[in-house]
Amino acid sequence: MRLPRLLLILSLLLASALLIRAHGYVLRAIPADRSTLERPPTRLQYWFSEALEPRFSAINLRDQTGKIIASGGVDQDSLSLLSLRVPRDLPDGAYIVELRPAFASDGHVIAESRVFFVGEEVGGVSGRAADDRAIPLEVLWRYLLTSANTLFFGGSFAYAAVLLPAWGSAGGGSGGLPARVMVRLRNCFVLATAIAISANLLALIQQSMVFFNADAFQVVERGLWQVVRIGSRFGDIWTFRMVLLLFTAILIFAAEYIRETVPQLSVGIWKGMIWLGALFIGLSMITSHAAGSLALPWITILVNWIHALAVAGWVGGLFALTLTLPAALAPYGEEDRRRAQAAVLTRFSRLAKIMVIIVIVTGVYNALNYFASPAEIASSYGSALGRKLLLVFLLLLAGGWQHLTLRPHLFAGIRAKLERAGIHHGEASRERFLRLEVLLALATLLTVSWLSATPIPEPQSAPPDAQVPQATATSGDFTISAAALPGGPGVNTYDLLLSRAGAPVAGFDVYLQLVHPEAGRRSPWQRAEEAEAGLYVAAGDDIDSAGAWWALLDIVEGDSLTRAAFTWEISAAAAVRQTRDANALQVISLAAVLITLGALAYPAGRTLLSRANFGPASCLLAGGAVLVALATMGIGAALIAERQRDYERALNPPPQVVNVVLPDAESLARGADLYREHCLVWQGQSGDFRALRGRLGAVRDDFLYAVVTEGWRDLPPCSGALGTGQVWDIVNYFRTFETR
């Protein structure tokens, strides 16, 4: 498999990982945990930081005796919302809300419960926080899968970068190496593939157990694993990985089958295994913590992939050499064994040093994505990371000692002191240290798997100094105060305080709509839930950009409707954001990653330059090619960007005319009078009139402006000479016919 094909496949896979937050969490809750309400809510709503699996997510409402009185699930209009309709006339008391969201990105299920009170707070009733510890069975299959991927890539890396340059020869056999060595390498690939398939099967069983809250026997007997395989994002990734593993098994069989008849093709297959190994590791990035980075997600995924490849080259190479060296060195005498071993280990040691440098700098950048405060470091994820770093340190010590013993000019003095103490360090000692490194590496991979199965610390949802847009208005005998509370990535909360004659009012149907007039966008009407007397709360992700927004509030009392409208100047902090800016430490660590990779690539680049021809014709040709390439890339990038803008404009073009009249109660009153006076022809029940009313939730204000002034289908325009403001008053009034 060639590099361009690998990059194409990884691009398609990683595209699905963008803006996916591994191990989601609650962003907003209505009602809030342990809140005391004067009246029972009509609906429970819990917004999460990422999309949920509708089939496997649930919400239950229990009374204080534990009896389930209502159940709900994922909202039809938002895959990140769990909602439940509360039964009417809920008596005073304590109520427990059980949440069981199944996150679509990585299949993790979080079980927690929250409490609210109606009337007065009841003692002795509390919720249960989500368990942020890793599930042992998940750690097991992740450990097996990580070890298999590491061995597969490390074996191919050791073959191509260490064994072939050190021992390879034209007469060495079908793989360029002695047959006994190729047999061991083949067994490494077979073992890695078998372990990966077993881990994948175990992962499907474990995921089905979590989704259905069932044991393994029930999952297998009732075929629940089939539901997960077919009906979840986890199942989609699982199926792709299994197909890739089966394809790998076929390639291994083919390389062995044709090694005598078509040796060149067999060698090509073995060399191509390194790209398959990189693809296996890249596939794991889709459900890794890197995919959940809120800052620079694409760069974080790429850095994490480089980190994992460096780990696999270092640790997996250790695995492959430990399994290969005994058979490879068996026929040799002591001196030949020493020279052959030194040739391989010296070369591997130089490459491992490069891998370790990459692991360290990329690891620092990855860690900074998840820790923004000391409290986050003290989490379960921080503890798991601490255990991993301790084992990495011990592994570095063992590897550093091995690296030192392979440099005679550095180790001579230490060897003499060891021999005076009666300690001899020879070939057998090197092999023992190699095995020690392998044991430490296996333990380190276990902590890596534990870390990947542990939820990341919940980030701060909004900056503490974020400006809160607020407004107050009077409509009829109501006074309404409104505020948009920044919710950070994912959602904002809207608090609406209603009072009449200075006293809070309760028991009304309150509806909210957000409008961005400059873009011609408006949200669906949503019902605000009564959190307490006079306080109505709604939440959503509609405010996604800074600028002037309208908040339209309809208060329904029997058959009467009272409209209030506000203009909010939304700051960038108050707008819903799906990402966050990288902080200074992340920028510095990313710069360190780029500098390190550039410095490591410099020797190879210098070698290429030393072999280049710098004659006038060559320089002219090379300079022209570079300029043409840069111009082509620049023009291509500009064309792609322009096409993307054209596509966005085609989907949501800027309005030809912008509504400049706030649809408050005064505008609706003026619009009603104008409608009855000038739009008499609209007040029938023709098919076109009914069709227009039915489309009110889908059309923009500029379309309705054109209908009023020019007509639509067989519906004529409104009569008379109407000014621009009068037309907008009619449009605002006509929108009140929209069904909520």
Foldseek 3Di string as FASTA:
>chain_A
DDPVVLVVVLVVLCVLLALAAFPKDWLDWVVDFAAEFQDDWQKTKTFISAFFQQVQWKKFKAFPVGDTDWIWTQDPVGRRMTMTGDDPPDDWHKMKMWTWTQHQQQRDTWTKIGMYTHPDDDPPDGIGHTDQFFDVLLLVLLLLLLLLLLLLLQLLLLLPQFCCVLAFDPPQFLQRHPPLLVVLSLVSNVVSLVSNVVSLVSVLLVSLCSRVVHHSVCCVVVVSSVCPLPRGSNNVLSVVVVVLSVVSVVLSVVLVVCSPPCSVVSNVSSNCSNSSSLSSLSSVLSNFNLSSQQAPSVVSSVLVSLLSSLLSNQLSNLVSCLSRLCSRLVVDDDVVSQVSVLSRLQSSLVSNVLSVVSNVLSVLLNVVSQDDDVVQCPDPLVVLVVVLVVLVVVLVVLSVVLNQVSDCVRCVVVQVVCVVVVHHDGPVNSSVSSVVSNVSSSVSSSSVSSSRSGRGDDDDQADPPFDKWKDWDDWDQKIKIWIWAASHAWKIKIKIFIDGPPHFADDWWKWKKKADQQLLDIDDIDTFMRSYGRITMDMGQPQADFAKMKIWMWTDDPPDIAIAMDITGGDNRRHHGSHDHDDPSSVVSVVVSVVSVCVVCVVVVVVVVVPDDPDPVVVVVVVVVVVVVVVVVVVVVVVVVVVVVVVVCVVRNGQPDTQPDTLHPVLLVLLVVLCVVFVVLLPDDDPVSVVVLACLVPDGLSVQLCCQVQNDDPRGHTDDDDDPSNSSSNSSNSSVSHDD
